[in-house]
């Protein structure tokens, strides 16, 4: 099994039409990712956030700890489950289209 890769690398390798932001938004809405909030390490009291995979989302990748003292992680994705991940994204987007149609 190869090492998990950044989402942008997989998008580029397979020439996927979605960008990383669209994919992460869909994963967030489908419950495979979550927004994690934390206080800035500078002591400013500023609330910062990042997106990470949930336990369910870890079937698609891992949350790799970022460099430095931060609690922040970077999601990395398994190439072997990338097609399944894209299926989840398409399913989520289809659900949103159906919801919009019902409102019009």
Protein backbone atom coordinates (compact mmCIF):
# COMPACT_ATOMS: atom_id res chain seq x y z
CA UNK A 1 0.00 0.00 0.00
CA UNK A 2 1.41 3.39 -0.96
CA UNK A 3 1.73 6.32 1.40
CA UNK A 4 -1.32 8.59 1.74
CA UNK A 5 -1.20 11.60 -0.57
CA UNK A 6 -2.47 15.18 -0.49
CA UNK A 7 -5.87 15.53 -2.12
CA UNK A 8 -4.49 17.96 -4.70
CA UNK A 9 -1.92 15.39 -5.83
CA UNK A 10 -4.62 12.77 -6.49
CA UNK A 11 -6.82 15.33 -8.26
CA UNK A 12 -3.93 16.25 -10.52
CA UNK A 13 -2.81 12.67 -11.17
CA UNK A 14 -6.28 11.56 -12.26
CA UNK A 15 -7.36 14.87 -13.85
CA UNK A 16 -10.48 15.07 -11.67
CA UNK A 17 -12.97 17.87 -12.41
CA UNK A 18 -13.53 18.73 -8.74
CA UNK A 19 -11.12 20.87 -6.75
CA UNK A 20 -9.95 20.04 -3.23
CA UNK A 21 -12.28 22.57 -1.63
CA UNK A 22 -15.36 21.07 -3.33
CA UNK A 23 -14.34 17.57 -2.28
CA UNK A 24 -13.72 18.57 1.34
CA UNK A 25 -17.02 20.51 1.48
CA UNK A 26 -18.88 17.42 0.24
CA UNK A 27 -17.05 15.18 2.73
CA UNK A 28 -17.94 17.64 5.49
CA UNK A 29 -21.65 17.62 4.58
CA UNK A 30 -21.65 13.81 4.24
CA UNK A 31 -20.09 13.38 7.71
CA UNK A 32 -16.68 12.12 6.58
CA UNK A 33 -14.87 15.32 7.61
CA UNK A 34 -15.33 17.87 10.36
CA UNK A 35 -14.22 21.37 11.20
CA UNK A 36 -11.93 21.40 14.23
CA UNK A 37 -11.49 24.70 16.11
CA UNK A 38 -8.56 25.59 18.33
CA UNK A 39 -7.01 28.62 19.98
CA UNK A 40 -4.06 30.19 18.22
CA UNK A 41 -0.72 29.16 19.68
CA UNK A 42 0.49 32.77 19.55
CA UNK A 43 -1.50 33.65 22.67
CA UNK A 44 -3.68 36.14 20.76
CA UNK A 45 -6.85 34.32 21.77
CA UNK A 46 -7.76 34.03 18.09
CA UNK A 47 -9.94 31.03 17.24
CA UNK A 48 -8.62 29.12 14.23
CA UNK A 49 -9.96 26.09 12.44
CA UNK A 50 -9.09 23.36 9.98
CA UNK A 51 -10.85 20.39 8.45
CA UNK A 52 -9.96 16.86 9.36
CA UNK A 53 -11.31 13.43 8.59
CA UNK A 54 -13.79 11.91 11.04
CA UNK A 55 -13.42 8.33 12.24
CA UNK A 56 -15.74 7.32 9.37
CA UNK A 57 -13.66 9.40 6.94
CA UNK A 58 -10.46 7.63 7.91
CA UNK A 59 -11.44 4.83 5.54
CA UNK A 60 -10.34 7.27 2.82
CA UNK A 61 -7.14 8.51 4.49
CA UNK A 62 -5.43 9.74 7.62
CA UNK A 63 -5.03 12.94 9.59
CA UNK A 64 -1.29 13.62 9.50
CA UNK A 65 0.04 15.91 12.24
CA UNK A 66 1.33 19.20 10.88
CA UNK A 67 4.81 20.39 11.71
CA UNK A 68 5.31 22.46 14.83
CA UNK A 69 3.54 22.61 18.17
CA UNK A 70 0.08 23.10 16.66
CA UNK A 71 -2.82 20.67 17.10
CA UNK A 72 -3.50 21.06 13.40
CA UNK A 73 -3.49 18.06 11.09
CA UNK A 74 -3.47 17.71 7.31
CA UNK A 75 -5.73 15.12 5.70
CA UNK A 76 -3.88 12.70 3.43
CA UNK A 77 -5.75 10.27 1.21
CA UNK A 78 -5.29 6.67 0.11
CA UNK A 79 -4.99 6.32 -3.63
CA UNK A 80 -6.69 2.91 -3.43
CA UNK A 81 -9.90 4.40 -1.98
CA UNK A 82 -9.90 7.57 -4.11
CA UNK A 83 -12.58 6.23 -6.53
CA UNK A 84 -14.86 5.42 -3.56
CA UNK A 85 -14.21 8.87 -2.10
CA UNK A 86 -15.25 10.47 -5.40
CA UNK A 87 -18.42 8.35 -5.37
CA UNK A 88 -19.27 9.77 -1.94
CA UNK A 89 -18.72 13.29 -3.31
CA UNK A 90 -20.94 12.67 -6.35
CA UNK A 91 -23.65 11.15 -4.14
CA UNK A 92 -23.54 14.19 -1.83
CA UNK A 93 -23.73 16.61 -4.77
CA UNK A 94 -26.65 14.66 -6.28
CA UNK A 95 -28.45 14.89 -2.92
CA UNK A 96 -27.95 18.66 -2.93
CA UNK A 97 -29.26 18.94 -6.51
CA UNK A 98 -32.37 16.95 -5.53
CA UNK A 99 -32.92 19.22 -2.51
CA UNK A 100 -32.60 22.34 -4.66
CA UNK A 101 -35.03 20.94 -7.26
CA UNK A 102 -37.60 20.30 -4.53
CA UNK A 103 -37.44 23.99 -3.57
CA UNK A 104 -37.96 25.37 -7.06
